Amino acid sequence: MTHPHPTPHTRRLGQPLPPADLHHLTPHGPHLSVHTPRGPLALYRFTPLQMALLTGDTILTAAQWPEHLKAFLYQYVPLPVLPPAPHPPPGLVHAQARDPHGLRTWDHTTYQGWPLYLYAHDHPGQPPSGEVPHLFTQVRLDQPPLPGPHHRPHGP
């Protein structure tokens, strides 16, 4: 089964599109990946999202970031909704709508509540290279759920 998204890998303003040959979510060692005909492709989560939700901070979209950081941030492509996996991963997979007027308008896949991202410079079957400590980390199969905005823990 092929992915329904267009085959070009760039969109206006050079913003990457997801690759066209994404099949389904799959385990790859301790991490969650996307199965492609060329091998697994790593998935990432934006780690500051958890603290922003826990503290009630506003979560900025990529378009709201300072100009000097946008080139970095746009290297992470929201994972579109994929066909169901033959063997579903152990966590909860859902779809999240995105801004229909933004640069990346496709629905976004989440795992355990975390929006999933591809790194534009990763290659299927090759070691992942998109980890940035405290910003983008690979998604683990045992990833704890992202607390929702309603979750307010007792702080220190």
C-alpha atoms as a PDB file:
ATOM      1  CA  MET A   1       0.000   0.000   0.000  1.00  0.00           C
ATOM      2  CA  THR A   2       1.409   3.422  -0.877  1.00  0.00           C
ATOM      3  CA  HIS A   3       1.009   6.635   1.028  1.00  0.00           C
ATOM      4  CA  PRO A   4      -1.665   8.993  -0.369  1.00  0.00           C
ATOM      5  CA  HIS A   5       0.420  12.169  -0.108  1.00  0.00           C
ATOM      6  CA  PRO A   6       2.043  13.780  -3.167  1.00  0.00           C
ATOM      7  CA  THR A   7       5.491  12.628  -4.172  1.00  0.00           C
ATOM      8  CA  PRO A   8       7.380  15.972  -4.225  1.00  0.00           C
ATOM      9  CA  HIS A   9       9.469  16.415  -1.099  1.00  0.00           C
ATOM     10  CA  THR A  10       9.191  20.174  -0.881  1.00  0.00           C
ATOM     11  CA  ARG A  11       6.332  22.598  -0.784  1.00  0.00           C
ATOM     12  CA  ARG A  12       6.131  26.360  -1.119  1.00  0.00           C
ATOM     13  CA  LEU A  13       8.949  28.193   0.634  1.00  0.00           C
ATOM     14  CA  GLY A  14      10.956  24.967   0.551  1.00  0.00           C
ATOM     15  CA  GLN A  15       9.073  23.430   3.481  1.00  0.00           C
ATOM     16  CA  PRO A  16       9.501  19.630   3.410  1.00  0.00           C
ATOM     17  CA  LEU A  17       6.583  17.315   2.817  1.00  0.00           C
ATOM     18  CA  PRO A  18       6.567  13.835   4.314  1.00  0.00           C
ATOM     19  CA  PRO A  19       8.044  11.135   2.072  1.00  0.00           C
ATOM     20  CA  ALA A  20       5.485   9.463  -0.189  1.00  0.00           C
ATOM     21  CA  ASP A  21       6.378   5.873   0.717  1.00  0.00           C
ATOM     22  CA  LEU A  22       5.408   5.769   4.414  1.00  0.00           C
ATOM     23  CA  HIS A  23       3.437   2.633   5.261  1.00  0.00           C
ATOM     24  CA  HIS A  24       2.642   2.210   8.969  1.00  0.00           C
ATOM     25  CA  LEU A  25       4.080   2.561  12.471  1.00  0.00           C
ATOM     26  CA  THR A  26       6.387  -0.253  13.520  1.00  0.00           C
ATOM     27  CA  PRO A  27       8.722  -1.125  16.400  1.00  0.00           C
ATOM     28  CA  HIS A  28      12.440  -0.761  15.704  1.00  0.00           C
ATOM     29  CA  GLY A  29      14.355  -1.892  18.765  1.00  0.00           C
ATOM     30  CA  PRO A  30      13.061   0.141  21.727  1.00  0.00           C
ATOM     31  CA  HIS A  31      11.808   2.932  19.434  1.00  0.00           C
ATOM     32  CA  LEU A  32       8.744   3.587  17.325  1.00  0.00           C
ATOM     33  CA  SER A  33       9.480   4.028  13.621  1.00  0.00           C
ATOM     34  CA  VAL A  34       7.690   4.227  10.295  1.00  0.00           C
ATOM     35  CA  HIS A  35       7.940   1.240   7.987  1.00  0.00           C
ATOM     36  CA  THR A  36       9.043   2.122   4.439  1.00  0.00           C
ATOM     37  CA  PRO A  37      10.170  -0.117   1.543  1.00  0.00           C
ATOM     38  CA  ARG A  38      13.712   1.219   2.117  1.00  0.00           C
ATOM     39  CA  GLY A  39      13.818   0.436   5.866  1.00  0.00           C
ATOM     40  CA  PRO A  40      12.599   2.003   9.109  1.00  0.00           C
ATOM     41  CA  LEU A  41      12.473   5.765   9.541  1.00  0.00           C
ATOM     42  CA  ALA A  42      12.866   7.253  13.035  1.00  0.00           C
ATOM     43  CA  LEU A  43      10.122   9.264  14.732  1.00  0.00           C
ATOM     44  CA  TYR A  44      10.635  12.159  17.119  1.00  0.00           C
ATOM     45  CA  ARG A  45       8.701  14.084  19.756  1.00  0.00           C
ATOM     46  CA  PHE A  46       9.113  17.726  20.767  1.00  0.00           C
ATOM     47  CA  THR A  47      10.085  17.290  24.421  1.00  0.00           C
ATOM     48  CA  PRO A  48       9.299  20.842  25.695  1.00  0.00           C
ATOM     49  CA  LEU A  49       5.629  20.131  24.945  1.00  0.00           C
ATOM     50  CA  GLN A  50       5.186  18.209  28.208  1.00  0.00           C
ATOM     51  CA  MET A  51       6.445  21.048  30.424  1.00  0.00           C
ATOM     52  CA  ALA A  52       4.408  23.599  28.471  1.00  0.00           C
ATOM     53  CA  LEU A  53       1.244  21.579  29.083  1.00  0.00           C
ATOM     54  CA  LEU A  54       2.065  20.994  32.753  1.00  0.00           C
ATOM     55  CA  THR A  55       2.738  24.682  33.421  1.00  0.00           C
ATOM     56  CA  GLY A  56      -0.084  26.050  31.273  1.00  0.00           C
ATOM     57  CA  ASP A  57       2.292  27.877  28.921  1.00  0.00           C
ATOM     58  CA  THR A  58       1.259  28.750  25.388  1.00  0.00           C
ATOM     59  CA  ILE A  59       2.555  26.245  22.872  1.00  0.00           C
ATOM     60  CA  LEU A  60       3.884  28.133  19.861  1.00  0.00           C
ATOM     61  CA  THR A  61       3.388  26.752  16.384  1.00  0.00           C
ATOM     62  CA  ALA A  62       6.399  26.746  14.069  1.00  0.00           C
ATOM     63  CA  ALA A  63       5.154  29.872  12.283  1.00  0.00           C
ATOM     64  CA  GLN A  64       5.210  31.773  15.607  1.00  0.00           C
ATOM     65  CA  TRP A  65       8.854  31.022  16.408  1.00  0.00           C
ATOM     66  CA  PRO A  66      11.510  33.733  15.868  1.00  0.00           C
ATOM     67  CA  GLU A  67      12.739  33.890  12.290  1.00  0.00           C
ATOM     68  CA  HIS A  68      16.263  32.752  13.181  1.00  0.00           C
ATOM     69  CA  LEU A  69      14.887  29.473  14.620  1.00  0.00           C
ATOM     70  CA  LYS A  70      12.376  28.622  11.893  1.00  0.00           C
ATOM     71  CA  ALA A  71      14.943  27.018   9.563  1.00  0.00           C
ATOM     72  CA  PHE A  72      15.848  24.615  12.384  1.00  0.00           C
ATOM     73  CA  LEU A  73      12.260  23.894  13.380  1.00  0.00           C
ATOM     74  CA  TYR A  74      11.027  23.286   9.834  1.00  0.00           C
ATOM     75  CA  GLN A  75      13.447  20.334   9.564  1.00  0.00           C
ATOM     76  CA  TYR A  76      10.922  18.376  11.641  1.00  0.00           C
ATOM     77  CA  VAL A  77       7.968  17.304   9.519  1.00  0.00           C
ATOM     78  CA  PRO A  78       4.628  16.362  11.136  1.00  0.00           C
ATOM     79  CA  LEU A  79       3.891  12.691  10.523  1.00  0.00           C
ATOM     80  CA  PRO A  80       0.681  12.322   8.493  1.00  0.00           C
ATOM     81  CA  VAL A  81      -1.962   9.751   9.342  1.00  0.00           C
ATOM     82  CA  LEU A  82      -0.856   6.330   8.087  1.00  0.00           C
ATOM     83  CA  PRO A  83      -2.708   3.097   7.296  1.00  0.00           C
ATOM     84  CA  PRO A  84      -3.189   0.757  10.275  1.00  0.00           C
ATOM     85  CA  ALA A  85      -0.222  -1.464  11.096  1.00  0.00           C
ATOM     86  CA  PRO A  86      -0.531  -5.248  10.764  1.00  0.00           C
ATOM     87  CA  HIS A  87       0.763  -5.452  14.350  1.00  0.00           C
ATOM     88  CA  PRO A  88      -0.217  -2.217  16.145  1.00  0.00           C
ATOM     89  CA  PRO A  89       2.323  -0.655  18.522  1.00  0.00           C
ATOM     90  CA  PRO A  90       1.573  -1.056  22.237  1.00  0.00           C
ATOM     91  CA  GLY A  91       0.562   2.601  22.809  1.00  0.00           C
ATOM     92  CA  LEU A  92      -2.376   4.659  21.628  1.00  0.00           C
ATOM     93  CA  VAL A  93      -2.195   6.050  18.085  1.00  0.00           C
ATOM     94  CA  HIS A  94      -4.538   8.868  17.082  1.00  0.00           C
ATOM     95  CA  ALA A  95      -4.910  11.653  14.525  1.00  0.00           C
ATOM     96  CA  GLN A  96      -4.832  15.332  15.410  1.00  0.00           C
ATOM     97  CA  ALA A  97      -6.100  18.048  13.065  1.00  0.00           C
ATOM     98  CA  ARG A  98      -3.708  20.806  12.027  1.00  0.00           C
ATOM     99  CA  ASP A  99      -4.384  24.393  10.993  1.00  0.00           C
ATOM    100  CA  PRO A 100      -6.010  24.196   7.531  1.00  0.00           C
ATOM    101  CA  HIS A 101      -4.395  27.543   6.640  1.00  0.00           C
ATOM    102  CA  GLY A 102      -0.846  26.696   7.771  1.00  0.00           C
ATOM    103  CA  LEU A 103       2.139  25.401   5.817  1.00  0.00           C
ATOM    104  CA  ARG A 104       1.539  21.780   6.855  1.00  0.00           C
ATOM    105  CA  THR A 105      -2.166  21.164   6.609  1.00  0.00           C
ATOM    106  CA  TRP A 106      -2.350  17.360   6.801  1.00  0.00           C
ATOM    107  CA  ASP A 107      -3.680  15.613   9.914  1.00  0.00           C
ATOM    108  CA  HIS A 108      -0.921  14.763  12.378  1.00  0.00           C
ATOM    109  CA  THR A 109      -0.331  11.313  13.944  1.00  0.00           C
ATOM    110  CA  THR A 110       0.078  11.127  17.721  1.00  0.00           C
ATOM    111  CA  TYR A 111       1.407   8.306  19.892  1.00  0.00           C
ATOM    112  CA  GLN A 112       0.484   8.291  23.580  1.00  0.00           C
ATOM    113  CA  GLY A 113      -0.720  11.870  22.970  1.00  0.00           C
ATOM    114  CA  TRP A 114       2.667  13.043  21.603  1.00  0.00           C
ATOM    115  CA  PRO A 115       2.603  14.541  18.089  1.00  0.00           C
ATOM    116  CA  LEU A 116       5.078  12.595  15.936  1.00  0.00           C
ATOM    117  CA  TYR A 117       7.682  14.163  13.665  1.00  0.00           C
ATOM    118  CA  LEU A 118      10.080  12.989  10.969  1.00  0.00           C
ATOM    119  CA  TYR A 119      13.490  14.606  10.638  1.00  0.00           C
ATOM    120  CA  ALA A 120      13.921  15.832   7.065  1.00  0.00           C
ATOM    121  CA  HIS A 121      17.578  14.712   6.919  1.00  0.00           C
ATOM    122  CA  ASP A 122      17.052  11.135   8.142  1.00  0.00           C
ATOM    123  CA  HIS A 123      17.139   8.336   5.577  1.00  0.00           C
ATOM    124  CA  PRO A 124      15.195   5.058   5.890  1.00  0.00           C
ATOM    125  CA  GLY A 125      17.354   2.189   7.070  1.00  0.00           C
ATOM    126  CA  GLN A 126      20.126   4.546   8.249  1.00  0.00           C
ATOM    127  CA  PRO A 127      20.890   5.568  11.854  1.00  0.00           C
ATOM    128  CA  PRO A 128      18.671   8.459  13.001  1.00  0.00           C
ATOM    129  CA  SER A 129      20.323  11.870  13.176  1.00  0.00           C
ATOM    130  CA  GLY A 130      17.539  14.178  14.383  1.00  0.00           C
ATOM    131  CA  GLU A 131      17.991  13.930  18.159  1.00  0.00           C
ATOM    132  CA  VAL A 132      18.588  17.304  19.823  1.00  0.00           C
ATOM    133  CA  PRO A 133      18.846  16.951  23.626  1.00  0.00           C
ATOM    134  CA  HIS A 134      15.946  18.597  25.442  1.00  0.00           C
ATOM    135  CA  LEU A 135      14.208  19.527  22.149  1.00  0.00           C
ATOM    136  CA  PHE A 136      13.606  16.545  19.845  1.00  0.00           C
ATOM    137  CA  THR A 137      14.071  12.963  21.023  1.00  0.00           C
ATOM    138  CA  GLN A 138      13.217   9.623  19.459  1.00  0.00           C
ATOM    139  CA  VAL A 139       9.882   8.147  20.466  1.00  0.00           C
ATOM    140  CA  ARG A 140      10.158   5.016  22.573  1.00  0.00           C
ATOM    141  CA  LEU A 141       7.658   2.158  22.465  1.00  0.00           C
ATOM    142  CA  ASP A 142       7.288   2.532  26.247  1.00  0.00           C
ATOM    143  CA  GLN A 143       6.758   6.298  25.902  1.00  0.00           C
ATOM    144  CA  PRO A 144       4.692   7.560  28.854  1.00  0.00           C
ATOM    145  CA  PRO A 145       1.522   9.351  27.764  1.00  0.00           C
ATOM    146  CA  LEU A 146       1.641  13.101  27.306  1.00  0.00           C
ATOM    147  CA  PRO A 147      -0.524  14.668  30.017  1.00  0.00           C
ATOM    148  CA  GLY A 148      -3.430  16.619  28.574  1.00  0.00           C
ATOM    149  CA  PRO A 149      -4.007  20.316  29.301  1.00  0.00           C
ATOM    150  CA  HIS A 150      -6.484  19.260  32.000  1.00  0.00           C
ATOM    151  CA  HIS A 151      -3.702  17.479  33.927  1.00  0.00           C
ATOM    152  CA  ARG A 152      -2.352  19.692  36.710  1.00  0.00           C
ATOM    153  CA  PRO A 153       0.124  17.848  38.936  1.00  0.00           C
ATOM    154  CA  HIS A 154       1.150  19.122  42.327  1.00  0.00           C
ATOM    155  CA  GLY A 155       4.357  21.038  41.713  1.00  0.00           C
ATOM    156  CA  PRO A 156       7.494  21.225  43.863  1.00  0.00           C
END
